[in-house]
Every structure is written in structure tokens, then in C-alpha cells.
Amino acid sequence: MIASSSQKLILFENTLMLSINFLMRKIGSVIEHFVN
């Protein structure tokens, strides 16, 4: 099965957004830890 370039792009964007969301939460918890 060959995914079209647009499908690959959507999959990549979804993965990127999940990764950024995860990193933001990790960074946020670390900052809260140091602030408190």
C-alpha cells in the first residue's frame, strides 16, 4: 500500500503536533516544579 504524499504529510503533521504537545506539557511541569 502506497500512501499519497498528502496522506504522509497529514500523518507527519499529526505526529509533530502530538510531540510538541507532549514536550510542552513536560516543560510546563518542569517549570512549575522549579517555580514552586
N, C-alpha and C. Protein backbone atom coordinates (compact mmCIF):
# COMPACT_ATOMS: atom_id res chain seq x y z
N MET A 1 0.85 -1.20 0.00
CA MET A 1 0.00 0.00 0.00
C MET A 1 0.88 1.24 0.00
N ILE A 2 0.66 2.09 -0.98
CA ILE A 2 1.45 3.31 -1.09
C ILE A 2 0.59 4.50 -0.68
N ALA A 3 1.00 5.17 0.37
CA ALA A 3 0.25 6.35 0.82
C ALA A 3 0.61 7.54 -0.05
N SER A 4 -0.38 8.36 -0.36
CA SER A 4 -0.10 9.54 -1.17
C SER A 4 0.69 10.55 -0.35
N SER A 5 1.34 11.47 -1.02
CA SER A 5 2.17 12.45 -0.33
C SER A 5 1.34 13.28 0.64
N SER A 6 0.09 13.57 0.27
CA SER A 6 -0.76 14.38 1.17
C SER A 6 -1.09 13.60 2.43
N GLN A 7 -1.32 12.29 2.30
CA GLN A 7 -1.60 11.48 3.48
C GLN A 7 -0.38 11.41 4.39
N LYS A 8 0.81 11.27 3.77
CA LYS A 8 2.03 11.24 4.57
C LYS A 8 2.23 12.56 5.30
N LEU A 9 1.92 13.67 4.61
CA LEU A 9 2.08 14.99 5.21
C LEU A 9 1.15 15.14 6.40
N ILE A 10 -0.10 14.69 6.24
CA ILE A 10 -1.07 14.79 7.34
C ILE A 10 -0.60 13.95 8.52
N LEU A 11 -0.12 12.74 8.24
CA LEU A 11 0.36 11.86 9.30
C LEU A 11 1.55 12.50 10.02
N PHE A 12 2.46 13.11 9.24
CA PHE A 12 3.62 13.77 9.81
C PHE A 12 3.20 14.94 10.68
N GLU A 13 2.24 15.74 10.20
CA GLU A 13 1.78 16.89 10.97
C GLU A 13 1.12 16.45 12.27
N ASN A 14 0.32 15.38 12.21
CA ASN A 14 -0.33 14.88 13.42
C ASN A 14 0.71 14.41 14.43
N THR A 15 1.72 13.68 13.96
CA THR A 15 2.77 13.20 14.85
C THR A 15 3.54 14.37 15.45
N LEU A 16 3.83 15.37 14.61
CA LEU A 16 4.57 16.55 15.07
C LEU A 16 3.78 17.29 16.14
N MET A 17 2.49 17.47 15.92
CA MET A 17 1.67 18.19 16.90
C MET A 17 1.60 17.43 18.21
N LEU A 18 1.48 16.09 18.15
CA LEU A 18 1.45 15.30 19.37
C LEU A 18 2.77 15.43 20.12
N SER A 19 3.89 15.42 19.37
CA SER A 19 5.20 15.52 20.00
C SER A 19 5.37 16.88 20.67
N ILE A 20 4.95 17.95 19.97
CA ILE A 20 5.07 19.29 20.53
C ILE A 20 4.18 19.42 21.77
N ASN A 21 2.97 18.87 21.68
CA ASN A 21 2.04 18.93 22.81
C ASN A 21 2.64 18.23 24.02
N PHE A 22 3.25 17.06 23.79
CA PHE A 22 3.88 16.29 24.86
C PHE A 22 5.05 17.06 25.47
N LEU A 23 5.90 17.64 24.59
CA LEU A 23 7.05 18.39 25.07
C LEU A 23 6.62 19.61 25.87
N MET A 24 5.60 20.30 25.41
CA MET A 24 5.11 21.49 26.12
C MET A 24 4.64 21.13 27.52
N ARG A 25 3.93 19.99 27.63
CA ARG A 25 3.45 19.58 28.95
C ARG A 25 4.62 19.21 29.86
N LYS A 26 5.63 18.53 29.30
CA LYS A 26 6.79 18.16 30.10
C LYS A 26 7.52 19.40 30.58
N ILE A 27 7.75 20.35 29.66
CA ILE A 27 8.45 21.59 30.00
C ILE A 27 7.64 22.37 31.03
N GLY A 28 6.31 22.40 30.83
CA GLY A 28 5.45 23.13 31.76
C GLY A 28 5.53 22.56 33.16
N SER A 29 5.54 21.23 33.27
CA SER A 29 5.61 20.60 34.60
C SER A 29 6.97 20.87 35.24
N VAL A 30 8.03 20.89 34.44
CA VAL A 30 9.37 21.16 34.97
C VAL A 30 9.44 22.60 35.48
N ILE A 31 8.89 23.54 34.69
CA ILE A 31 8.90 24.95 35.10
C ILE A 31 8.10 25.12 36.38
N GLU A 32 6.93 24.48 36.46
CA GLU A 32 6.12 24.57 37.67
C GLU A 32 6.89 24.02 38.86
N HIS A 33 7.62 22.95 38.64
CA HIS A 33 8.40 22.32 39.71
C HIS A 33 9.44 23.29 40.26
N PHE A 34 10.10 24.03 39.35
CA PHE A 34 11.14 24.96 39.78
C PHE A 34 10.54 26.23 40.39
N VAL A 35 9.39 26.66 39.87
CA VAL A 35 8.76 27.87 40.39
C VAL A 35 8.25 27.65 41.81
N ASN A 36 7.65 26.49 42.05
CA ASN A 36 7.07 26.23 43.38
C ASN A 36 8.11 25.78 44.38
